[in-house]
Amino acid sequence: MTTTTFVYTLAIPLLTSPLIYLVGRLIDRAGKPKVRSLVVRFMALIALLAAWISYSIDFSNFNNNEI
């Protein structure tokens, strides 16, 4: 397990959640709740996929004894 991918696994959700919240609030102020729902869900999905990719890299490194 490399330190870099482990840090990414933790940092991606922690850094993207405030960004997703702020984008949702800004779109909500514009008065477009339907658009907000789609944009925020898509951003959350991308953040989740990025965290899972980093996690899978960590897991494969751990299984290959590359600690």
C-alpha atoms as a PDB file:
ATOM      1  CA  MET A   1       0.000   0.000   0.000  1.00  0.00           C
ATOM      2  CA  THR A   2       1.501   3.244  -1.049  1.00  0.00           C
ATOM      3  CA  THR A   3       0.943   6.273   1.094  1.00  0.00           C
ATOM      4  CA  THR A   4      -0.172   8.396  -1.832  1.00  0.00           C
ATOM      5  CA  THR A   5      -3.139   6.234  -2.832  1.00  0.00           C
ATOM      6  CA  PHE A   6      -4.142   5.800   0.801  1.00  0.00           C
ATOM      7  CA  VAL A   7      -4.184   9.576   1.247  1.00  0.00           C
ATOM      8  CA  TYR A   8      -6.267   9.910  -1.920  1.00  0.00           C
ATOM      9  CA  THR A   9      -8.728   7.332  -0.601  1.00  0.00           C
ATOM     10  CA  LEU A  10      -9.292   9.519   2.461  1.00  0.00           C
ATOM     11  CA  ALA A  11      -8.929  12.941   0.847  1.00  0.00           C
ATOM     12  CA  ILE A  12     -11.240  12.578  -2.143  1.00  0.00           C
ATOM     13  CA  PRO A  13     -14.488  12.299  -0.130  1.00  0.00           C
ATOM     14  CA  LEU A  14     -13.333  14.873   2.426  1.00  0.00           C
ATOM     15  CA  LEU A  15     -12.446  17.462  -0.198  1.00  0.00           C
ATOM     16  CA  THR A  16     -15.308  16.913  -2.606  1.00  0.00           C
ATOM     17  CA  SER A  17     -18.162  16.925  -0.098  1.00  0.00           C
ATOM     18  CA  PRO A  18     -17.949  20.674   0.687  1.00  0.00           C
ATOM     19  CA  LEU A  19     -17.606  21.402  -3.031  1.00  0.00           C
ATOM     20  CA  ILE A  20     -20.700  19.343  -3.839  1.00  0.00           C
ATOM     21  CA  TYR A  21     -22.612  21.089  -1.065  1.00  0.00           C
ATOM     22  CA  LEU A  22     -21.609  24.567  -2.254  1.00  0.00           C
ATOM     23  CA  VAL A  23     -22.503  23.823  -5.870  1.00  0.00           C
ATOM     24  CA  GLY A  24     -25.887  22.519  -4.737  1.00  0.00           C
ATOM     25  CA  ARG A  25     -26.538  25.647  -2.675  1.00  0.00           C
ATOM     26  CA  LEU A  26     -25.512  27.975  -5.514  1.00  0.00           C
ATOM     27  CA  ILE A  27     -27.787  26.224  -7.983  1.00  0.00           C
ATOM     28  CA  ASP A  28     -30.584  26.250  -5.408  1.00  0.00           C
ATOM     29  CA  ARG A  29     -30.284  30.025  -5.080  1.00  0.00           C
ATOM     30  CA  ALA A  30     -30.691  30.270  -8.820  1.00  0.00           C
ATOM     31  CA  GLY A  31     -34.086  28.641  -8.348  1.00  0.00           C
ATOM     32  CA  LYS A  32     -33.499  25.464 -10.330  1.00  0.00           C
ATOM     33  CA  PRO A  33     -34.100  22.517  -7.981  1.00  0.00           C
ATOM     34  CA  LYS A  34     -34.399  19.951 -10.782  1.00  0.00           C
ATOM     35  CA  VAL A  35     -31.023  20.925 -12.230  1.00  0.00           C
ATOM     36  CA  ARG A  36     -29.480  20.969  -8.757  1.00  0.00           C
ATOM     37  CA  SER A  37     -30.540  17.417  -8.120  1.00  0.00           C
ATOM     38  CA  LEU A  38     -29.002  16.146 -11.340  1.00  0.00           C
ATOM     39  CA  VAL A  39     -25.745  18.085 -11.055  1.00  0.00           C
ATOM     40  CA  VAL A  40     -25.141  17.267  -7.409  1.00  0.00           C
ATOM     41  CA  ARG A  41     -25.933  13.584  -7.879  1.00  0.00           C
ATOM     42  CA  PHE A  42     -23.568  13.381 -10.855  1.00  0.00           C
ATOM     43  CA  MET A  43     -20.783  15.125  -8.912  1.00  0.00           C
ATOM     44  CA  ALA A  44     -21.280  12.800  -5.946  1.00  0.00           C
ATOM     45  CA  LEU A  45     -21.154   9.776  -8.231  1.00  0.00           C
ATOM     46  CA  ILE A  46     -17.879  10.940  -9.778  1.00  0.00           C
ATOM     47  CA  ALA A  47     -16.374  11.528  -6.321  1.00  0.00           C
ATOM     48  CA  LEU A  48     -17.504   8.095  -5.166  1.00  0.00           C
ATOM     49  CA  LEU A  49     -16.056   6.400  -8.239  1.00  0.00           C
ATOM     50  CA  ALA A  50     -12.745   8.224  -7.780  1.00  0.00           C
ATOM     51  CA  ALA A  51     -12.563   7.096  -4.152  1.00  0.00           C
ATOM     52  CA  TRP A  52     -13.357   3.505  -5.141  1.00  0.00           C
ATOM     53  CA  ILE A  53     -10.648   3.504  -7.813  1.00  0.00           C
ATOM     54  CA  SER A  54      -8.125   4.661  -5.240  1.00  0.00           C
ATOM     55  CA  TYR A  55      -9.401   2.043  -2.788  1.00  0.00           C
ATOM     56  CA  SER A  56      -9.131  -0.742  -5.362  1.00  0.00           C
ATOM     57  CA  ILE A  57      -5.527   0.247  -6.110  1.00  0.00           C
ATOM     58  CA  ASP A  58      -4.770   0.098  -2.380  1.00  0.00           C
ATOM     59  CA  PHE A  59      -6.488  -3.263  -2.075  1.00  0.00           C
ATOM     60  CA  SER A  60      -4.626  -4.790  -5.011  1.00  0.00           C
ATOM     61  CA  ASN A  61      -1.310  -3.525  -3.655  1.00  0.00           C
ATOM     62  CA  PHE A  62      -2.143  -5.017  -0.276  1.00  0.00           C
ATOM     63  CA  ASN A  63      -3.025  -8.395  -1.817  1.00  0.00           C
ATOM     64  CA  ASN A  64       0.234  -8.435  -3.772  1.00  0.00           C
ATOM     65  CA  ASN A  65       2.184  -7.779  -0.539  1.00  0.00           C
ATOM     66  CA  GLU A  66       3.459  -4.451  -1.808  1.00  0.00           C
ATOM     67  CA  ILE A  67       3.244  -2.860   1.586  1.00  0.00           C
END
